[in-house]
Amino acid sequence: MKQSKRKKLETKGWKVGAAADFLNLTPEEELFIDMKISLSRSLKELRIRKRLNQVDFAKLIKSSQSRVAKMEAGSASVSFDLLIKSLLALGASEKDLAKAIRL
C-alpha cells in the first residue's frame, strides 16, 4: 500500500496492518495458513495442467465437485492431509510437495 494512502486511512481512524495482526495469529498459525493456501494453489494449478475439470478430478479422488472447489479455495474445512493426498492423486512427487509448501 502506498504510504500516502496509508496515512490518509490512519488519519480517518482506520487501523492498517496485516491479517495475522488483526486475527491475533501466532507465527506458527500464520505459517500453517500460508502453507495450506500454497498447497491449494498448487492443487488447482496441477489439476489445470492435467486438463481435468473439477468434476472429473472429484471422480478421480472419489469426492464431489463442491469439495474440490473448497480445496482449491483454501477453505478451513479442508484438512492438510486431504490436500496432500489429492496432490499425490494428480501425480505430484515429494519434490513437488516440498516446492508447494516452501514459502
Protein backbone atom coordinates (compact mmCIF):
# COMPACT_ATOMS: atom_id res chain seq x y z
CA MET A 1 0.00 0.00 0.00
CA LYS A 2 1.24 3.45 -0.83
CA GLN A 3 2.42 5.45 2.16
CA SER A 4 0.13 8.36 1.21
CA LYS A 5 -2.94 6.11 1.16
CA ARG A 6 -1.92 4.53 4.46
CA LYS A 7 -1.60 7.94 6.15
CA LYS A 8 -4.95 9.04 4.74
CA LEU A 9 -6.68 5.94 6.15
CA GLU A 10 -4.97 6.28 9.53
CA THR A 11 -5.97 9.95 9.85
CA LYS A 12 -9.58 8.88 9.29
CA GLY A 13 -9.31 6.41 12.18
CA TRP A 14 -8.63 3.21 10.26
CA LYS A 15 -6.06 0.77 11.54
CA VAL A 16 -3.74 -0.58 8.86
CA GLY A 17 -1.94 -3.88 9.38
CA ALA A 18 -1.56 -7.48 8.36
CA ALA A 19 -4.34 -10.05 8.66
CA ALA A 20 -2.20 -12.01 11.13
CA ASP A 21 -2.15 -8.99 13.45
CA PHE A 22 -5.89 -8.44 13.11
CA LEU A 23 -6.64 -12.11 13.82
CA ASN A 24 -4.05 -12.36 16.60
CA LEU A 25 -2.31 -15.30 14.93
CA THR A 26 0.86 -16.80 16.30
CA PRO A 27 3.76 -17.11 13.84
CA GLU A 28 3.08 -20.87 13.70
CA GLU A 29 -0.61 -20.34 12.85
CA GLU A 30 0.28 -17.81 10.18
CA LEU A 31 2.80 -20.21 8.63
CA PHE A 32 0.30 -23.08 8.71
CA ILE A 33 -2.32 -20.99 6.90
CA ASP A 34 0.24 -19.83 4.32
CA MET A 35 1.23 -23.46 3.69
CA LYS A 36 -2.40 -24.55 3.22
CA ILE A 37 -3.01 -21.72 0.77
CA SER A 38 0.12 -22.66 -1.14
CA LEU A 39 -0.98 -26.31 -1.33
CA SER A 40 -4.44 -25.21 -2.52
CA ARG A 41 -2.95 -23.09 -5.29
CA SER A 42 -0.64 -25.91 -6.33
CA LEU A 43 -3.58 -28.31 -6.46
CA LYS A 44 -5.54 -26.05 -8.77
CA GLU A 45 -2.51 -25.39 -11.00
CA LEU A 46 -1.71 -29.10 -11.30
CA ARG A 47 -5.35 -30.02 -11.97
CA ILE A 48 -5.49 -27.47 -14.77
CA ARG A 49 -2.14 -28.62 -16.16
CA LYS A 50 -3.52 -32.18 -16.25
CA ARG A 51 -6.51 -30.79 -18.19
CA LEU A 52 -9.04 -32.00 -15.64
CA ASN A 53 -12.12 -30.05 -14.68
CA GLN A 54 -13.29 -30.09 -11.08
CA VAL A 55 -15.96 -32.73 -11.76
CA ASP A 56 -13.50 -35.18 -13.35
CA PHE A 57 -10.95 -34.59 -10.63
CA ALA A 58 -13.61 -35.15 -7.96
CA LYS A 59 -14.42 -38.53 -9.55
CA LEU A 60 -10.72 -39.41 -9.54
CA ILE A 61 -10.44 -38.82 -5.79
CA LYS A 62 -13.95 -40.14 -5.04
CA SER A 63 -15.25 -36.81 -3.84
CA SER A 64 -17.58 -34.07 -5.04
CA GLN A 65 -17.04 -31.03 -7.24
CA SER A 66 -18.02 -28.74 -4.37
CA ARG A 67 -15.34 -30.33 -2.17
CA VAL A 68 -12.74 -29.78 -4.89
CA ALA A 69 -13.81 -26.12 -5.11
CA LYS A 70 -13.35 -25.79 -1.34
CA MET A 71 -9.94 -27.43 -1.56
CA GLU A 72 -8.82 -25.02 -4.27
CA ALA A 73 -10.22 -22.03 -2.36
CA GLY A 74 -8.24 -22.94 0.76
CA SER A 75 -11.32 -23.46 2.91
CA ALA A 76 -10.68 -24.02 6.60
CA SER A 77 -12.90 -27.12 6.40
CA VAL A 78 -10.32 -28.87 4.20
CA SER A 79 -7.63 -30.82 6.01
CA PHE A 80 -3.94 -30.60 5.26
CA ASP A 81 -3.78 -34.35 4.56
CA LEU A 82 -6.65 -34.17 2.04
CA LEU A 83 -4.74 -31.53 0.09
CA ILE A 84 -1.60 -33.68 0.09
CA LYS A 85 -3.47 -36.89 -0.83
CA SER A 86 -5.19 -35.05 -3.67
CA LEU A 87 -1.92 -33.68 -5.00
CA LEU A 88 -0.46 -37.19 -4.90
CA ALA A 89 -3.52 -38.49 -6.80
CA LEU A 90 -2.68 -35.98 -9.53
CA GLY A 91 0.84 -37.36 -9.72
CA ALA A 92 2.70 -34.82 -7.62
CA SER A 93 6.07 -36.02 -6.37
CA GLU A 94 7.64 -35.47 -2.97
CA LYS A 95 9.71 -32.75 -4.60
CA ASP A 96 6.54 -31.08 -5.93
CA LEU A 97 5.02 -31.16 -2.44
CA ALA A 98 8.14 -29.69 -0.88
CA LYS A 99 8.13 -26.94 -3.50
CA ALA A 100 4.44 -26.25 -2.85
CA ILE A 101 4.90 -25.65 0.88
CA ARG A 102 8.15 -23.71 0.56
CA LEU A 103 7.20 -20.08 1.03
